[in-house]
Amino acid sequence: MSLQVLLVCGTGASSGFMAVSMRKVAKKKGLDYQIKARSESELENYLAETDVIMIGPHLSFMEAEIKQLVTGTDKKVILMNSDYYATLDGEKALDHLQSVLD
């Protein structure tokens, strides 16, 4: 079964580039991950079909609110690190994701 990952940022632009980077790495590693990017305003429209929500570091103030949205589900919420987010390092982002899943 494929893992549904949603990257969330302000407008969806920077997370869009990060999603592309992460998809390339996931494909290379043979991981069945569906990685999409959306703006924070669209988050609730995609919650039902999402397993993991990764939040852009500039939205750290929303982390508690998003965790509350998924309370009672097995969905994971991960705050991305600004070191790999700023450089759009998909490999480090994927490593972070997998460390939380393990």
C-alpha atoms as a PDB file:
ATOM      1  CA  MET A   1       0.000   0.000   0.000  1.00  0.00           C
ATOM      2  CA  SER A   2       1.339   3.390  -0.856  1.00  0.00           C
ATOM      3  CA  LEU A   3       2.026   6.036   1.781  1.00  0.00           C
ATOM      4  CA  GLN A   4       0.175   9.319   1.191  1.00  0.00           C
ATOM      5  CA  VAL A   5       2.367  12.267   2.206  1.00  0.00           C
ATOM      6  CA  LEU A   6       1.131  15.858   2.155  1.00  0.00           C
ATOM      7  CA  LEU A   7       3.596  18.746   2.345  1.00  0.00           C
ATOM      8  CA  VAL A   8       2.070  21.972   3.598  1.00  0.00           C
ATOM      9  CA  CYS A   9       3.423  25.504   3.236  1.00  0.00           C
ATOM     10  CA  GLY A  10       1.987  28.998   2.902  1.00  0.00           C
ATOM     11  CA  THR A  11       1.151  29.050  -0.811  1.00  0.00           C
ATOM     12  CA  GLY A  12       2.165  25.549  -1.872  1.00  0.00           C
ATOM     13  CA  ALA A  13       5.072  26.815  -3.997  1.00  0.00           C
ATOM     14  CA  SER A  14       8.136  25.949  -1.907  1.00  0.00           C
ATOM     15  CA  SER A  15       6.583  22.690  -0.740  1.00  0.00           C
ATOM     16  CA  GLY A  16       5.841  21.923  -4.400  1.00  0.00           C
ATOM     17  CA  PHE A  17       9.551  22.029  -5.202  1.00  0.00           C
ATOM     18  CA  MET A  18      10.297  19.947  -2.107  1.00  0.00           C
ATOM     19  CA  ALA A  19       7.677  17.369  -3.146  1.00  0.00           C
ATOM     20  CA  VAL A  20       9.334  16.994  -6.569  1.00  0.00           C
ATOM     21  CA  SER A  21      12.715  16.512  -4.895  1.00  0.00           C
ATOM     22  CA  MET A  22      11.333  13.942  -2.431  1.00  0.00           C
ATOM     23  CA  ARG A  23       9.482  12.031  -5.181  1.00  0.00           C
ATOM     24  CA  LYS A  24      12.739  11.620  -7.135  1.00  0.00           C
ATOM     25  CA  VAL A  25      14.528  10.202  -4.092  1.00  0.00           C
ATOM     26  CA  ALA A  26      11.599   7.938  -3.134  1.00  0.00           C
ATOM     27  CA  LYS A  27      11.488   6.553  -6.684  1.00  0.00           C
ATOM     28  CA  LYS A  28      15.251   5.884  -6.613  1.00  0.00           C
ATOM     29  CA  LYS A  29      14.842   4.027  -3.314  1.00  0.00           C
ATOM     30  CA  GLY A  30      11.869   2.051  -4.623  1.00  0.00           C
ATOM     31  CA  LEU A  31       9.470   3.504  -2.035  1.00  0.00           C
ATOM     32  CA  ASP A  32       5.773   3.598  -2.834  1.00  0.00           C
ATOM     33  CA  TYR A  33       5.143   7.134  -1.569  1.00  0.00           C
ATOM     34  CA  GLN A  34       2.621   9.536  -3.068  1.00  0.00           C
ATOM     35  CA  ILE A  35       3.975  12.979  -2.175  1.00  0.00           C
ATOM     36  CA  LYS A  36       1.831  16.040  -2.819  1.00  0.00           C
ATOM     37  CA  ALA A  37       2.103  19.679  -1.841  1.00  0.00           C
ATOM     38  CA  ARG A  38      -0.705  22.045  -0.925  1.00  0.00           C
ATOM     39  CA  SER A  39      -1.137  25.399   0.744  1.00  0.00           C
ATOM     40  CA  GLU A  40      -2.165  25.380   4.399  1.00  0.00           C
ATOM     41  CA  SER A  41      -5.568  26.758   3.434  1.00  0.00           C
ATOM     42  CA  GLU A  42      -6.286  23.519   1.493  1.00  0.00           C
ATOM     43  CA  LEU A  43      -5.138  21.133   4.215  1.00  0.00           C
ATOM     44  CA  GLU A  44      -8.567  20.066   5.469  1.00  0.00           C
ATOM     45  CA  ASN A  45      -9.648  19.144   1.915  1.00  0.00           C
ATOM     46  CA  TYR A  46      -6.879  16.516   1.770  1.00  0.00           C
ATOM     47  CA  LEU A  47      -6.868  15.167   5.337  1.00  0.00           C
ATOM     48  CA  ALA A  48      -8.950  12.058   4.650  1.00  0.00           C
ATOM     49  CA  GLU A  49      -6.562  10.735   1.998  1.00  0.00           C
ATOM     50  CA  THR A  50      -3.337  11.611   3.846  1.00  0.00           C
ATOM     51  CA  ASP A  51      -1.185   9.397   6.089  1.00  0.00           C
ATOM     52  CA  VAL A  52       1.563  11.905   6.925  1.00  0.00           C
ATOM     53  CA  ILE A  53       1.486  15.707   6.995  1.00  0.00           C
ATOM     54  CA  MET A  54       4.848  17.454   6.726  1.00  0.00           C
ATOM     55  CA  ILE A  55       4.714  21.146   7.633  1.00  0.00           C
ATOM     56  CA  GLY A  56       7.076  23.786   6.275  1.00  0.00           C
ATOM     57  CA  PRO A  57       9.289  25.181   9.065  1.00  0.00           C
ATOM     58  CA  HIS A  58       7.844  28.692   8.607  1.00  0.00           C
ATOM     59  CA  LEU A  59       4.442  27.285   9.675  1.00  0.00           C
ATOM     60  CA  SER A  60       5.703  25.890  13.005  1.00  0.00           C
ATOM     61  CA  PHE A  61       3.057  28.021  14.762  1.00  0.00           C
ATOM     62  CA  MET A  62       0.403  25.760  13.155  1.00  0.00           C
ATOM     63  CA  GLU A  63       1.884  22.447  14.315  1.00  0.00           C
ATOM     64  CA  ALA A  64      -0.275  22.116  17.461  1.00  0.00           C
ATOM     65  CA  GLU A  65      -3.437  23.042  15.543  1.00  0.00           C
ATOM     66  CA  ILE A  66      -2.719  20.471  12.813  1.00  0.00           C
ATOM     67  CA  LYS A  67      -1.923  17.786  15.398  1.00  0.00           C
ATOM     68  CA  GLN A  68      -5.280  18.535  16.993  1.00  0.00           C
ATOM     69  CA  LEU A  69      -6.990  18.096  13.602  1.00  0.00           C
ATOM     70  CA  VAL A  70      -5.662  14.524  13.364  1.00  0.00           C
ATOM     71  CA  THR A  71      -6.197  13.531  17.021  1.00  0.00           C
ATOM     72  CA  GLY A  72      -7.755  10.081  17.214  1.00  0.00           C
ATOM     73  CA  THR A  73      -6.294   8.997  13.874  1.00  0.00           C
ATOM     74  CA  ASP A  74      -2.998   7.272  13.103  1.00  0.00           C
ATOM     75  CA  LYS A  75      -1.902  10.190  10.905  1.00  0.00           C
ATOM     76  CA  LYS A  76       1.559  11.595  11.634  1.00  0.00           C
ATOM     77  CA  VAL A  77       2.439  15.292  11.710  1.00  0.00           C
ATOM     78  CA  ILE A  78       6.074  16.242  11.103  1.00  0.00           C
ATOM     79  CA  LEU A  79       7.570  19.715  11.278  1.00  0.00           C
ATOM     80  CA  MET A  80      10.231  19.884   8.563  1.00  0.00           C
ATOM     81  CA  ASN A  81      13.692  21.147   9.512  1.00  0.00           C
ATOM     82  CA  SER A  82      14.712  24.442   7.993  1.00  0.00           C
ATOM     83  CA  ASP A  83      18.204  23.101   7.143  1.00  0.00           C
ATOM     84  CA  TYR A  84      16.931  20.679   4.489  1.00  0.00           C
ATOM     85  CA  TYR A  85      13.812  22.688   3.623  1.00  0.00           C
ATOM     86  CA  ALA A  86      15.818  25.788   2.667  1.00  0.00           C
ATOM     87  CA  THR A  87      17.949  23.744   0.256  1.00  0.00           C
ATOM     88  CA  LEU A  88      15.027  21.560  -0.952  1.00  0.00           C
ATOM     89  CA  ASP A  89      17.040  18.464   0.009  1.00  0.00           C
ATOM     90  CA  GLY A  90      14.549  15.691  -0.723  1.00  0.00           C
ATOM     91  CA  GLU A  91      16.869  12.995   0.560  1.00  0.00           C
ATOM     92  CA  LYS A  92      17.189  14.555   4.038  1.00  0.00           C
ATOM     93  CA  ALA A  93      13.434  15.230   4.119  1.00  0.00           C
ATOM     94  CA  LEU A  94      12.752  11.588   3.242  1.00  0.00           C
ATOM     95  CA  ASP A  95      15.240  10.427   5.908  1.00  0.00           C
ATOM     96  CA  HIS A  96      13.389  12.577   8.455  1.00  0.00           C
ATOM     97  CA  LEU A  97      10.043  11.133   7.361  1.00  0.00           C
ATOM     98  CA  GLN A  98      11.325   7.562   7.610  1.00  0.00           C
ATOM     99  CA  SER A  99      12.898   8.149  11.039  1.00  0.00           C
ATOM    100  CA  VAL A 100       9.474   9.227  12.344  1.00  0.00           C
ATOM    101  CA  LEU A 101       7.745   6.225  10.739  1.00  0.00           C
ATOM    102  CA  ASP A 102      10.231   3.672  12.164  1.00  0.00           C
END
